[in-house]
Amino acid sequence: VQLVESGGGLVQAGGSLTLSCAASGRTFTNWRMAWFRQGPAKEREFVASITWNAATTYYAESVQGRFTISRDHGRSLVYLQMIGLKPEDTAVYYCAAGNMRGSNTQRASYGYWGQGTQVTVSS
């Protein structure tokens, strides 16, 4: 399995960005995809998840209402649309994939990770 993120960059507070994750190497039926982030001197934290089949989504409270996770089943892409960005959203954002075992918010539930893409929000 390979996960390749893109779309990061520098944006002013209040701006928007859309991250993409290209997934390959297997079919993702019955799998779950997620975005995590790791800010400076912080632990990697859950941002959002989506089930591949039913596209059921779940969000961290800190991004609820501002971020939207989605997937393109045919092209094996996962997106994270981010609006109303804040300086505290600055982090490296990682795409993750895993089967449906375990909690969707825990890092240990995901066996595959991308290399990450930097998002920097200036005040």
Protein backbone atom coordinates (compact mmCIF):
# COMPACT_ATOMS: atom_id res chain seq x y z
CA VAL A 1 0.00 0.00 0.00
CA GLN A 2 1.23 3.45 -0.91
CA LEU A 3 -0.24 6.73 0.25
CA VAL A 4 0.98 9.98 -1.28
CA GLU A 5 -0.24 13.32 0.06
CA SER A 6 -0.23 16.63 -1.78
CA GLY A 7 -1.76 20.07 -1.55
CA GLY A 8 -0.08 21.53 1.49
CA GLY A 9 1.29 25.05 1.59
CA LEU A 10 1.31 28.43 3.26
CA VAL A 11 -1.99 30.22 3.78
CA GLN A 12 -3.21 33.17 5.81
CA ALA A 13 -5.55 32.72 8.72
CA GLY A 14 -9.11 32.39 7.48
CA GLY A 15 -7.97 30.89 4.21
CA SER A 16 -8.56 27.46 2.76
CA LEU A 17 -6.63 24.50 1.37
CA THR A 18 -7.54 21.10 0.02
CA LEU A 19 -5.23 18.17 0.67
CA SER A 20 -5.24 15.06 -1.50
CA CYS A 21 -4.09 11.52 -0.77
CA ALA A 22 -3.49 9.12 -3.64
CA ALA A 23 -3.91 5.55 -2.43
CA SER A 24 -2.64 2.52 -4.33
CA GLY A 25 -1.48 -1.04 -3.90
CA ARG A 26 -4.74 -2.79 -3.07
CA THR A 27 -8.48 -2.37 -3.14
CA PHE A 28 -9.74 -0.48 -0.14
CA THR A 29 -13.14 -2.11 0.16
CA ASN A 30 -13.98 -2.46 3.87
CA TRP A 31 -11.08 -0.24 4.83
CA ARG A 32 -10.97 3.09 6.57
CA MET A 33 -8.96 6.17 5.63
CA ALA A 34 -8.01 9.05 7.87
CA TRP A 35 -6.08 12.26 8.22
CA PHE A 36 -3.85 12.91 11.20
CA ARG A 37 -1.65 15.91 11.90
CA GLN A 38 1.44 16.66 13.94
CA GLY A 39 2.17 20.22 14.95
CA PRO A 40 5.51 21.55 16.22
CA ALA A 41 6.49 19.77 19.43
CA LYS A 42 3.14 17.99 19.54
CA GLU A 43 1.92 14.43 19.36
CA ARG A 44 0.34 13.22 16.14
CA GLU A 45 -3.39 13.68 16.50
CA PHE A 46 -6.51 12.48 14.75
CA VAL A 47 -8.25 14.92 12.41
CA ALA A 48 -10.88 13.03 10.41
CA SER A 49 -11.76 9.58 9.11
CA ILE A 50 -13.94 8.08 6.39
CA THR A 51 -15.01 4.53 5.64
CA TRP A 52 -14.27 3.50 2.09
CA ASN A 53 -17.57 1.73 1.44
CA ALA A 54 -20.23 3.91 2.99
CA ALA A 55 -18.21 7.13 3.27
CA THR A 56 -19.14 7.46 6.91
CA THR A 57 -17.20 10.37 8.34
CA TYR A 58 -15.99 11.38 11.78
CA TYR A 59 -14.13 14.51 12.90
CA ALA A 60 -12.07 15.75 15.76
CA GLU A 61 -13.91 18.40 17.70
CA SER A 62 -11.24 20.98 16.88
CA VAL A 63 -11.98 20.80 13.14
CA GLN A 64 -15.69 19.98 13.14
CA GLY A 65 -17.52 22.37 10.83
CA ARG A 66 -14.34 23.63 9.17
CA PHE A 67 -12.82 20.50 7.61
CA THR A 68 -14.47 17.99 5.28
CA ILE A 69 -13.09 14.56 4.45
CA SER A 70 -14.23 12.81 1.28
CA ARG A 71 -13.11 10.11 -1.08
CA ASP A 72 -13.22 9.44 -4.79
CA HIS A 73 -13.92 5.73 -4.99
CA GLY A 74 -13.06 5.40 -8.66
CA ARG A 75 -9.74 7.20 -8.51
CA SER A 76 -8.69 5.99 -5.05
CA LEU A 77 -8.26 9.51 -3.75
CA VAL A 78 -9.01 10.89 -0.32
CA TYR A 79 -9.44 14.62 0.22
CA LEU A 80 -9.37 16.95 3.18
CA GLN A 81 -11.01 20.28 2.46
CA MET A 82 -10.04 22.86 5.03
CA ILE A 83 -11.69 26.26 5.43
CA GLY A 84 -11.43 28.91 8.11
CA LEU A 85 -7.86 27.89 8.82
CA LYS A 86 -6.27 29.02 12.06
CA PRO A 87 -2.61 29.31 13.08
CA GLU A 88 -3.13 26.35 15.41
CA ASP A 89 -3.91 24.20 12.35
CA THR A 90 -0.25 24.50 11.37
CA ALA A 91 1.11 20.96 11.17
CA VAL A 92 2.33 18.19 8.96
CA TYR A 93 -0.77 16.38 7.74
CA TYR A 94 -0.63 12.62 7.20
CA CYS A 95 -2.93 10.32 5.30
CA ALA A 96 -3.48 6.92 6.88
CA ALA A 97 -5.18 3.67 5.88
CA GLY A 98 -6.29 0.67 7.86
CA ASN A 99 -8.84 -2.10 8.13
CA MET A 100 -11.90 -1.52 10.24
CA ARG A 101 -10.46 -2.95 13.46
CA GLY A 102 -9.91 -0.72 16.43
CA SER A 103 -10.89 2.85 17.08
CA ASN A 104 -10.96 5.20 14.10
CA THR A 105 -9.26 7.94 16.15
CA GLN A 106 -6.24 5.93 17.29
CA ARG A 107 -2.96 5.85 15.39
CA ALA A 108 -2.52 2.16 16.13
CA SER A 109 -5.62 1.37 14.05
CA TYR A 110 -3.84 2.39 10.86
CA GLY A 111 -1.10 0.26 9.36
CA TYR A 112 -0.17 2.46 6.43
CA TRP A 113 0.93 6.08 6.36
CA GLY A 114 1.94 8.65 3.81
CA GLN A 115 5.01 10.85 4.07
CA GLY A 116 3.04 13.92 5.10
CA THR A 117 2.44 17.37 3.67
CA GLN A 118 3.15 20.63 5.48
CA VAL A 119 0.36 23.11 6.15
CA THR A 120 1.38 26.47 7.58
CA VAL A 121 -1.19 29.06 8.59
CA SER A 122 0.10 32.56 9.23
CA SER A 123 -1.66 35.01 11.54
